[in-house]
C-alpha atoms as a PDB file:
ATOM      1  CA  MET A   1      -0.040  -0.012  -0.024  1.00  0.00           C
ATOM      2  CA  SER A   2       1.554   3.292  -1.028  1.00  0.00           C
ATOM      3  CA  PRO A   3       1.001   6.450   0.989  1.00  0.00           C
ATOM      4  CA  SER A   4      -1.623   8.841  -0.269  1.00  0.00           C
ATOM      5  CA  VAL A   5      -1.202  12.523  -0.953  1.00  0.00           C
ATOM      6  CA  LEU A   6      -3.536  13.011   1.991  1.00  0.00           C
ATOM      7  CA  ASP A   7      -1.111  11.202   4.319  1.00  0.00           C
ATOM      8  CA  ILE A   8       1.810  13.295   3.092  1.00  0.00           C
ATOM      9  CA  ASP A   9      -0.190  16.562   3.484  1.00  0.00           C
ATOM     10  CA  LEU A  10      -1.225  15.501   6.968  1.00  0.00           C
ATOM     11  CA  ILE A  11       2.348  14.694   7.967  1.00  0.00           C
ATOM     12  CA  TRP A  12       3.680  17.996   6.656  1.00  0.00           C
ATOM     13  CA  LYS A  13       0.899  19.912   8.345  1.00  0.00           C
ATOM     14  CA  ALA A  14       1.732  18.204  11.682  1.00  0.00           C
ATOM     15  CA  LEU A  15       5.462  18.822  11.278  1.00  0.00           C
ATOM     16  CA  GLY A  16       4.632  22.478  10.478  1.00  0.00           C
ATOM     17  CA  THR A  17       3.265  22.915  13.953  1.00  0.00           C
ATOM     18  CA  ILE A  18       6.625  22.060  15.693  1.00  0.00           C
ATOM     19  CA  THR A  19       8.256  25.359  16.519  1.00  0.00           C
ATOM     20  CA  ASP A  20      12.113  25.749  16.628  1.00  0.00           C
ATOM     21  CA  PRO A  21      13.101  25.395  20.274  1.00  0.00           C
ATOM     22  CA  GLU A  22      15.441  28.393  20.042  1.00  0.00           C
ATOM     23  CA  ILE A  23      13.372  30.527  17.634  1.00  0.00           C
ATOM     24  CA  PRO A  24       9.739  29.855  18.658  1.00  0.00           C
ATOM     25  CA  VAL A  25       8.287  32.202  16.060  1.00  0.00           C
ATOM     26  CA  LEU A  26       9.200  29.775  13.217  1.00  0.00           C
ATOM     27  CA  SER A  27       8.401  26.121  12.745  1.00  0.00           C
ATOM     28  CA  LEU A  28      11.052  23.543  11.843  1.00  0.00           C
ATOM     29  CA  VAL A  29       9.438  23.402   8.371  1.00  0.00           C
ATOM     30  CA  GLU A  30       9.690  27.252   7.955  1.00  0.00           C
ATOM     31  CA  MET A  31      13.308  27.072   9.173  1.00  0.00           C
ATOM     32  CA  LYS A  32      13.934  24.425   6.513  1.00  0.00           C
ATOM     33  CA  ILE A  33      15.396  22.118   9.172  1.00  0.00           C
ATOM     34  CA  ILE A  34      12.980  19.448   8.072  1.00  0.00           C
ATOM     35  CA  ARG A  35      14.169  18.657   4.564  1.00  0.00           C
ATOM     36  CA  ASP A  36      12.227  15.640   3.469  1.00  0.00           C
ATOM     37  CA  VAL A  37       9.604  13.171   4.451  1.00  0.00           C
ATOM     38  CA  GLN A  38       9.210   9.625   3.004  1.00  0.00           C
ATOM     39  CA  VAL A  39       6.446   7.274   3.910  1.00  0.00           C
ATOM     40  CA  THR A  40       6.719   3.480   3.492  1.00  0.00           C
ATOM     41  CA  ARG A  41       4.474   0.619   4.629  1.00  0.00           C
ATOM     42  CA  ASP A  42       6.615   0.234   7.776  1.00  0.00           C
ATOM     43  CA  ALA A  43       7.685   3.745   8.827  1.00  0.00           C
ATOM     44  CA  ILE A  44       7.982   7.454   8.174  1.00  0.00           C
ATOM     45  CA  ARG A  45      11.476   8.719   7.459  1.00  0.00           C
ATOM     46  CA  VAL A  46      12.129  12.348   8.197  1.00  0.00           C
ATOM     47  CA  VAL A  47      15.340  14.019   7.045  1.00  0.00           C
ATOM     48  CA  ILE A  48      16.514  16.923   9.105  1.00  0.00           C
ATOM     49  CA  SER A  49      19.435  19.340   8.767  1.00  0.00           C
ATOM     50  CA  PRO A  50      20.086  21.365  11.924  1.00  0.00           C
ATOM     51  CA  THR A  51      21.493  24.841  11.696  1.00  0.00           C
ATOM     52  CA  PHE A  52      24.766  23.800  13.344  1.00  0.00           C
ATOM     53  CA  ILE A  53      26.619  20.488  13.740  1.00  0.00           C
ATOM     54  CA  GLY A  54      26.657  20.855  17.504  1.00  0.00           C
ATOM     55  CA  CYS A  55      23.012  22.132  17.734  1.00  0.00           C
ATOM     56  CA  PRO A  56      22.089  21.771  21.424  1.00  0.00           C
ATOM     57  CA  ALA A  57      18.402  21.410  20.512  1.00  0.00           C
ATOM     58  CA  LEU A  58      18.894  18.408  18.168  1.00  0.00           C
ATOM     59  CA  GLU A  59      17.512  15.753  20.529  1.00  0.00           C
ATOM     60  CA  GLN A  60      14.575  17.971  21.525  1.00  0.00           C
ATOM     61  CA  MET A  61      13.653  18.439  17.861  1.00  0.00           C
ATOM     62  CA  LYS A  62      13.855  14.739  17.195  1.00  0.00           C
ATOM     63  CA  SER A  63      11.699  14.062  20.192  1.00  0.00           C
ATOM     64  CA  GLU A  64       9.038  16.588  19.122  1.00  0.00           C
ATOM     65  CA  ILE A  65       9.004  15.111  15.544  1.00  0.00           C
ATOM     66  CA  ARG A  66       8.422  11.636  16.897  1.00  0.00           C
ATOM     67  CA  ALA A  67       5.731  12.746  19.375  1.00  0.00           C
ATOM     68  CA  ARG A  68       3.867  14.881  16.767  1.00  0.00           C
ATOM     69  CA  LEU A  69       3.800  12.075  14.275  1.00  0.00           C
ATOM     70  CA  ALA A  70       2.777   9.563  16.930  1.00  0.00           C
ATOM     71  CA  GLY A  71      -0.006  11.975  17.796  1.00  0.00           C
ATOM     72  CA  ILE A  72      -1.517  11.551  14.346  1.00  0.00           C
ATOM     73  CA  GLY A  73      -1.105   7.788  14.336  1.00  0.00           C
ATOM     74  CA  PHE A  74       2.372   7.136  13.000  1.00  0.00           C
ATOM     75  CA  LYS A  75       4.324   5.076  15.535  1.00  0.00           C
ATOM     76  CA  GLN A  76       7.361   4.086  13.506  1.00  0.00           C
ATOM     77  CA  VAL A  77       9.402   7.207  12.777  1.00  0.00           C
ATOM     78  CA  GLU A  78      12.994   7.187  11.586  1.00  0.00           C
ATOM     79  CA  ILE A  79      14.907  10.443  11.685  1.00  0.00           C
ATOM     80  CA  GLU A  80      17.981  10.940   9.575  1.00  0.00           C
ATOM     81  CA  THR A  81      20.282  13.851  10.316  1.00  0.00           C
ATOM     82  CA  THR A  82      22.256  15.251   7.384  1.00  0.00           C
ATOM     83  CA  PHE A  83      24.620  18.115   6.985  1.00  0.00           C
ATOM     84  CA  ALA A  84      24.901  17.871   3.186  1.00  0.00           C
ATOM     85  CA  PRO A  85      23.942  20.176   1.820  1.00  0.00           C
ATOM     86  CA  PRO A  86      24.526  22.353   4.872  1.00  0.00           C
ATOM     87  CA  TRP A  87      21.778  24.458   6.340  1.00  0.00           C
ATOM     88  CA  THR A  88      22.131  28.141   5.458  1.00  0.00           C
ATOM     89  CA  THR A  89      20.085  31.297   6.108  1.00  0.00           C
ATOM     90  CA  GLU A  90      19.614  31.543   2.387  1.00  0.00           C
ATOM     91  CA  LEU A  91      17.003  28.823   2.761  1.00  0.00           C
ATOM     92  CA  LEU A  92      14.754  31.101   4.770  1.00  0.00           C
ATOM     93  CA  ALA A  93      11.828  32.462   2.702  1.00  0.00           C
ATOM     94  CA  ASP A  94      10.944  36.126   2.918  1.00  0.00           C
ATOM     95  CA  ASP A  95       7.844  35.412   5.088  1.00  0.00           C
ATOM     96  CA  ALA A  96       9.995  33.593   7.534  1.00  0.00           C
ATOM     97  CA  LYS A  97      12.372  36.506   7.768  1.00  0.00           C
ATOM     98  CA  GLU A  98       9.398  38.873   8.244  1.00  0.00           C
ATOM     99  CA  LYS A  99       8.187  36.685  11.124  1.00  0.00           C
ATOM    100  CA  LEU A 100      11.643  37.052  12.729  1.00  0.00           C
ATOM    101  CA  ARG A 101      11.550  40.874  12.327  1.00  0.00           C
ATOM    102  CA  SER A 102       8.009  41.077  13.670  1.00  0.00           C
ATOM    103  CA  PHE A 103       9.175  38.945  16.701  1.00  0.00           C
ATOM    104  CA  GLY A 104      11.982  41.373  17.406  1.00  0.00           C
ATOM    105  CA  ILE A 105      14.884  39.572  15.791  1.00  0.00           C
ATOM    106  CA  ALA A 106      16.750  41.212  12.937  1.00  0.00           C
ATOM    107  CA  PRO A 107      16.619  38.711  10.055  1.00  0.00           C
ATOM    108  CA  PRO A 108      19.824  37.672   8.294  1.00  0.00           C
ATOM    109  CA  PRO A 109      20.678  39.648   5.132  1.00  0.00           C
ATOM    110  CA  GLY A 110      19.690  38.107   1.833  1.00  0.00           C
ATOM    111  CA  GLY A 111      21.971  37.321  -1.027  1.00  0.00           C
ATOM    112  CA  GLU A 112      25.206  35.581  -1.412  1.00  0.00           C
ATOM    113  CA  GLY A 113      28.649  36.841  -0.514  1.00  0.00           C
ATOM    114  CA  GLU A 114      31.590  36.410   1.790  1.00  0.00           C
ATOM    115  CA  LEU A 115      30.484  35.855   5.405  1.00  0.00           C
ATOM    116  CA  ILE A 116      32.745  38.691   6.677  1.00  0.00           C
ATOM    117  CA  ALA A 117      31.179  41.105   4.151  1.00  0.00           C
ATOM    118  CA  LEU A 118      27.624  40.032   5.150  1.00  0.00           C
ATOM    119  CA  LEU A 119      28.410  40.441   8.837  1.00  0.00           C
ATOM    120  CA  LEU A 120      29.618  44.008   8.141  1.00  0.00           C
ATOM    121  CA  LEU A 121      26.449  45.099   6.420  1.00  0.00           C
ATOM    122  CA  PRO A 122      24.270  47.587   8.410  1.00  0.00           C
ATOM    123  CA  VAL A 123      21.625  45.934  10.526  1.00  0.00           C
ATOM    124  CA  ALA A 124      18.180  47.465  10.653  1.00  0.00           C
ATOM    125  CA  CYS A 125      16.463  47.603  13.960  1.00  0.00           C
ATOM    126  CA  PRO A 126      13.410  45.225  13.966  1.00  0.00           C
ATOM    127  CA  PHE A 127      11.539  47.706  16.169  1.00  0.00           C
ATOM    128  CA  CYS A 128      12.007  51.048  14.401  1.00  0.00           C
ATOM    129  CA  ASN A 129      13.851  50.097  11.180  1.00  0.00           C
ATOM    130  CA  SER A 130      16.731  52.512  11.882  1.00  0.00           C
ATOM    131  CA  GLN A 131      20.203  51.459  10.709  1.00  0.00           C
ATOM    132  CA  GLN A 132      21.713  53.479  13.575  1.00  0.00           C
ATOM    133  CA  THR A 133      22.578  50.257  15.274  1.00  0.00           C
ATOM    134  CA  ARG A 134      25.751  48.686  16.805  1.00  0.00           C
ATOM    135  CA  LEU A 135      26.966  45.268  17.703  1.00  0.00           C
ATOM    136  CA  ASP A 136      27.107  44.626  21.424  1.00  0.00           C
ATOM    137  CA  SER A 137      28.039  40.960  21.422  1.00  0.00           C
ATOM    138  CA  GLU A 138      29.085  38.522  18.717  1.00  0.00           C
ATOM    139  CA  PHE A 139      26.939  35.879  20.458  1.00  0.00           C
ATOM    140  CA  GLY A 140      23.388  36.058  21.669  1.00  0.00           C
ATOM    141  CA  ALA A 141      21.339  33.508  23.573  1.00  0.00           C
ATOM    142  CA  THR A 142      22.153  30.973  20.865  1.00  0.00           C
ATOM    143  CA  LEU A 143      25.146  30.480  18.491  1.00  0.00           C
ATOM    144  CA  CYS A 144      23.077  31.665  15.545  1.00  0.00           C
ATOM    145  CA  LYS A 145      22.331  35.059  16.946  1.00  0.00           C
ATOM    146  CA  GLN A 146      24.147  38.260  17.856  1.00  0.00           C
ATOM    147  CA  ILE A 147      23.144  41.070  20.213  1.00  0.00           C
ATOM    148  CA  TYR A 148      22.721  44.614  18.783  1.00  0.00           C
ATOM    149  CA  PHE A 149      21.643  47.970  20.195  1.00  0.00           C
ATOM    150  CA  CYS A 150      19.644  50.577  18.396  1.00  0.00           C
ATOM    151  CA  ASP A 151      20.749  54.134  19.043  1.00  0.00           C
ATOM    152  CA  ASN A 152      17.514  55.500  17.590  1.00  0.00           C
ATOM    153  CA  CYS A 153      14.886  53.701  19.776  1.00  0.00           C
ATOM    154  CA  ARG A 154      17.376  52.624  22.458  1.00  0.00           C
ATOM    155  CA  GLN A 155      16.264  48.976  22.300  1.00  0.00           C
ATOM    156  CA  PRO A 156      18.529  45.972  22.402  1.00  0.00           C
ATOM    157  CA  PHE A 157      17.702  43.253  19.955  1.00  0.00           C
ATOM    158  CA  GLU A 158      19.045  40.036  18.529  1.00  0.00           C
ATOM    159  CA  ARG A 159      20.134  39.528  14.938  1.00  0.00           C
ATOM    160  CA  PHE A 160      20.021  36.159  13.230  1.00  0.00           C
ATOM    161  CA  LYS A 161      23.489  35.674  11.842  1.00  0.00           C
ATOM    162  CA  PRO A 162      23.997  35.010   8.089  1.00  0.00           C
ATOM    163  CA  ILE A 163      25.255  31.431   7.925  1.00  0.00           C
END
């Protein structure tokens, strides 16, 4: 028996409700951490690509995936972790970047280029859109974020690093 389109849609919909443990405004699907889903007679195989090799939330994400799929009736779930191709912020869609901004996190810049050059680009404040901002710390609450301060509205904020 092959899986139906309905099964695949149901699975993706369920996976789309799992928020990123470190960026709760985006789901693992919106973050493009969940790369692929395959359904066989015996199991569901989910391919994930974390943002960093040493991602501290990896086991929590796997646990959430298993629990969410068990909740819709799929008991046999295999999760494959891959780093090829590597996760990059270029995978984030514009609507995901807008969700970050609305949540108070400056999204990563779009486009390709050298990482050093991207890190040197002006960062707009997610609260007032001013570019009168400055880096306070290379590292935020997680490895993928930096801490900035806006001289215009006087608010600290996090910026999602270009990766």
